Amino acid sequence: MTRQLTAIIEREGDGYVALCPEVDVASQGSTVDEARRNLQEALELFFETASPEEIKERLRGEVYVTQVELAVG
């Protein structure tokens, strides 16, 4: 089965942190591509090792990533 999940990647210090908000799994890497690959590996391990109950408990059905605009200062 194939599943589409969200990856949010942001710079942190000298590297990047990648987060999948649907199951609250994170990883990191020294580049965006490395952080993405590491997150994919962490997600694969999560789905291979987690019980069906844990997956059901943690999996969020809908996650929306958007931007908001506001005046600052």
N, C-alpha and C. Protein backbone atom coordinates (compact mmCIF):
# COMPACT_ATOMS: atom_id res chain seq x y z
N MET A 1 0.84 -1.18 0.00
CA MET A 1 0.00 0.00 0.00
C MET A 1 0.89 1.24 0.00
N THR A 2 0.50 2.23 -0.75
CA THR A 2 1.22 3.50 -0.81
C THR A 2 0.40 4.56 -0.09
N ARG A 3 1.10 5.42 0.63
CA ARG A 3 0.42 6.47 1.39
C ARG A 3 1.18 7.78 1.15
N GLN A 4 0.45 8.87 0.93
CA GLN A 4 1.04 10.20 0.80
C GLN A 4 1.03 10.86 2.17
N LEU A 5 2.18 11.30 2.64
CA LEU A 5 2.30 11.99 3.92
C LEU A 5 2.99 13.33 3.71
N THR A 6 2.81 14.22 4.65
CA THR A 6 3.38 15.56 4.58
C THR A 6 4.77 15.56 5.20
N ALA A 7 5.70 16.26 4.57
CA ALA A 7 7.03 16.47 5.13
C ALA A 7 7.26 17.98 5.24
N ILE A 8 7.47 18.45 6.45
CA ILE A 8 7.80 19.86 6.68
C ILE A 8 9.27 19.90 7.04
N ILE A 9 10.04 20.64 6.26
CA ILE A 9 11.49 20.68 6.47
C ILE A 9 11.88 22.12 6.71
N GLU A 10 12.63 22.33 7.79
CA GLU A 10 13.09 23.68 8.09
C GLU A 10 14.54 23.64 8.56
N ARG A 11 15.21 24.75 8.29
CA ARG A 11 16.61 24.87 8.71
C ARG A 11 16.66 25.01 10.22
N GLU A 12 17.62 24.32 10.81
CA GLU A 12 17.88 24.46 12.24
C GLU A 12 19.39 24.41 12.44
N GLY A 13 19.97 25.55 12.77
CA GLY A 13 21.43 25.60 12.92
C GLY A 13 22.12 25.33 11.60
N ASP A 14 23.04 24.36 11.61
CA ASP A 14 23.78 24.01 10.40
C ASP A 14 23.10 22.93 9.56
N GLY A 15 21.94 22.46 9.99
CA GLY A 15 21.27 21.37 9.29
C GLY A 15 19.80 21.64 9.08
N TYR A 16 19.07 20.57 8.86
CA TYR A 16 17.64 20.66 8.59
C TYR A 16 16.90 19.62 9.41
N VAL A 17 15.71 19.98 9.86
CA VAL A 17 14.84 19.08 10.59
C VAL A 17 13.62 18.82 9.72
N ALA A 18 13.24 17.55 9.61
CA ALA A 18 12.08 17.15 8.82
C ALA A 18 11.05 16.54 9.74
N LEU A 19 9.80 16.96 9.59
CA LEU A 19 8.72 16.49 10.44
C LEU A 19 7.55 16.01 9.58
N CYS A 20 6.98 14.88 9.96
CA CYS A 20 5.75 14.41 9.37
C CYS A 20 4.65 14.61 10.40
N PRO A 21 3.80 15.63 10.23
CA PRO A 21 2.79 15.93 11.25
C PRO A 21 1.68 14.89 11.36
N GLU A 22 1.45 14.10 10.32
CA GLU A 22 0.38 13.10 10.38
C GLU A 22 0.61 12.07 11.48
N VAL A 23 1.87 11.72 11.73
CA VAL A 23 2.17 10.70 12.76
C VAL A 23 3.17 11.21 13.79
N ASP A 24 3.55 12.47 13.69
CA ASP A 24 4.49 13.09 14.62
C ASP A 24 5.82 12.34 14.67
N VAL A 25 6.39 12.10 13.49
CA VAL A 25 7.71 11.48 13.35
C VAL A 25 8.63 12.53 12.76
N ALA A 26 9.85 12.61 13.31
CA ALA A 26 10.81 13.61 12.83
C ALA A 26 12.17 12.96 12.59
N SER A 27 12.97 13.63 11.78
CA SER A 27 14.35 13.23 11.54
C SER A 27 15.13 14.49 11.17
N GLN A 28 16.38 14.31 10.79
CA GLN A 28 17.21 15.46 10.46
C GLN A 28 18.27 15.06 9.45
N GLY A 29 18.94 16.07 8.91
CA GLY A 29 20.02 15.83 7.97
C GLY A 29 20.79 17.11 7.74
N SER A 30 21.92 16.98 7.09
CA SER A 30 22.75 18.16 6.85
C SER A 30 22.30 18.93 5.61
N THR A 31 21.47 18.31 4.76
CA THR A 31 20.88 18.99 3.60
C THR A 31 19.38 18.71 3.59
N VAL A 32 18.65 19.44 2.77
CA VAL A 32 17.21 19.20 2.64
C VAL A 32 16.96 17.78 2.14
N ASP A 33 17.70 17.36 1.13
CA ASP A 33 17.52 16.01 0.58
C ASP A 33 17.83 14.94 1.61
N GLU A 34 18.88 15.13 2.37
CA GLU A 34 19.23 14.14 3.38
C GLU A 34 18.17 14.08 4.48
N ALA A 35 17.66 15.24 4.90
CA ALA A 35 16.61 15.27 5.91
C ALA A 35 15.36 14.57 5.40
N ARG A 36 15.02 14.78 4.14
CA ARG A 36 13.85 14.13 3.54
C ARG A 36 14.04 12.62 3.47
N ARG A 37 15.20 12.18 3.03
CA ARG A 37 15.48 10.74 2.97
C ARG A 37 15.45 10.11 4.36
N ASN A 38 16.04 10.80 5.33
CA ASN A 38 16.06 10.28 6.70
C ASN A 38 14.65 10.21 7.28
N LEU A 39 13.81 11.20 6.96
CA LEU A 39 12.43 11.16 7.41
C LEU A 39 11.70 9.99 6.77
N GLN A 40 11.91 9.78 5.49
CA GLN A 40 11.27 8.66 4.82
C GLN A 40 11.67 7.34 5.47
N GLU A 41 12.94 7.19 5.80
CA GLU A 41 13.41 5.98 6.47
C GLU A 41 12.77 5.83 7.86
N ALA A 42 12.69 6.93 8.60
CA ALA A 42 12.08 6.89 9.93
C ALA A 42 10.60 6.52 9.84
N LEU A 43 9.91 7.04 8.82
CA LEU A 43 8.50 6.70 8.63
C LEU A 43 8.32 5.23 8.27
N GLU A 44 9.19 4.73 7.40
CA GLU A 44 9.12 3.32 7.03
C GLU A 44 9.31 2.44 8.26
N LEU A 45 10.28 2.79 9.10
CA LEU A 45 10.52 2.03 10.32
C LEU A 45 9.33 2.12 11.27
N PHE A 46 8.75 3.31 11.38
CA PHE A 46 7.57 3.47 12.24
C PHE A 46 6.45 2.54 11.79
N PHE A 47 6.12 2.56 10.49
CA PHE A 47 5.01 1.75 10.01
C PHE A 47 5.32 0.26 10.05
N GLU A 48 6.60 -0.12 9.98
CA GLU A 48 6.98 -1.53 10.08
C GLU A 48 6.89 -2.04 11.51
N THR A 49 7.18 -1.19 12.49
CA THR A 49 7.30 -1.66 13.88
C THR A 49 6.14 -1.29 14.78
N ALA A 50 5.39 -0.27 14.46
CA ALA A 50 4.28 0.16 15.32
C ALA A 50 3.12 -0.82 15.22
N SER A 51 2.43 -0.97 16.32
CA SER A 51 1.24 -1.83 16.31
C SER A 51 0.12 -1.13 15.56
N PRO A 52 -0.85 -1.89 15.07
CA PRO A 52 -1.99 -1.26 14.41
C PRO A 52 -2.70 -0.25 15.31
N GLU A 53 -2.74 -0.53 16.60
CA GLU A 53 -3.39 0.39 17.55
C GLU A 53 -2.63 1.70 17.63
N GLU A 54 -1.28 1.63 17.69
CA GLU A 54 -0.49 2.86 17.75
C GLU A 54 -0.63 3.67 16.48
N ILE A 55 -0.61 3.01 15.35
CA ILE A 55 -0.78 3.71 14.08
C ILE A 55 -2.13 4.42 14.05
N LYS A 56 -3.19 3.71 14.44
CA LYS A 56 -4.52 4.30 14.44
C LYS A 56 -4.60 5.49 15.39
N GLU A 57 -3.95 5.37 16.55
CA GLU A 57 -3.98 6.44 17.54
C GLU A 57 -3.23 7.68 17.08
N ARG A 58 -2.10 7.48 16.39
CA ARG A 58 -1.25 8.62 16.02
C ARG A 58 -1.58 9.22 14.66
N LEU A 59 -2.16 8.45 13.76
CA LEU A 59 -2.37 8.90 12.39
C LEU A 59 -3.49 9.93 12.33
N ARG A 60 -3.15 11.09 11.83
CA ARG A 60 -4.14 12.17 11.63
C ARG A 60 -4.59 12.12 10.18
N GLY A 61 -5.87 12.19 9.96
CA GLY A 61 -6.42 12.05 8.62
C GLY A 61 -6.14 13.20 7.69
N GLU A 62 -6.22 14.41 8.21
CA GLU A 62 -6.04 15.58 7.35
C GLU A 62 -5.08 16.56 8.01
N VAL A 63 -4.10 16.97 7.24
CA VAL A 63 -3.16 18.00 7.68
C VAL A 63 -3.07 19.02 6.56
N TYR A 64 -3.21 20.28 6.92
CA TYR A 64 -3.14 21.35 5.93
C TYR A 64 -1.93 22.22 6.23
N VAL A 65 -1.14 22.48 5.22
CA VAL A 65 0.01 23.37 5.33
C VAL A 65 -0.29 24.58 4.46
N THR A 66 -0.28 25.74 5.07
CA THR A 66 -0.60 26.95 4.33
C THR A 66 0.20 28.10 4.92
N GLN A 67 0.03 29.27 4.38
CA GLN A 67 0.70 30.45 4.89
C GLN A 67 -0.35 31.50 5.25
N VAL A 68 0.00 32.33 6.19
CA VAL A 68 -0.85 33.46 6.53
C VAL A 68 -0.02 34.72 6.41
N GLU A 69 -0.67 35.82 6.11
CA GLU A 69 0.01 37.10 5.96
C GLU A 69 -0.48 38.03 7.03
N LEU A 70 0.44 38.72 7.68
CA LEU A 70 0.05 39.70 8.67
C LEU A 70 1.07 40.82 8.71
N ALA A 71 0.61 41.98 9.15
CA ALA A 71 1.48 43.14 9.29
C ALA A 71 2.20 43.02 10.61
N VAL A 72 3.50 43.20 10.59
CA VAL A 72 4.31 43.11 11.81
C VAL A 72 5.03 44.44 12.00
N GLY A 73 4.92 44.93 13.22
CA GLY A 73 5.66 46.13 13.61
C GLY A 73 5.10 47.36 13.06
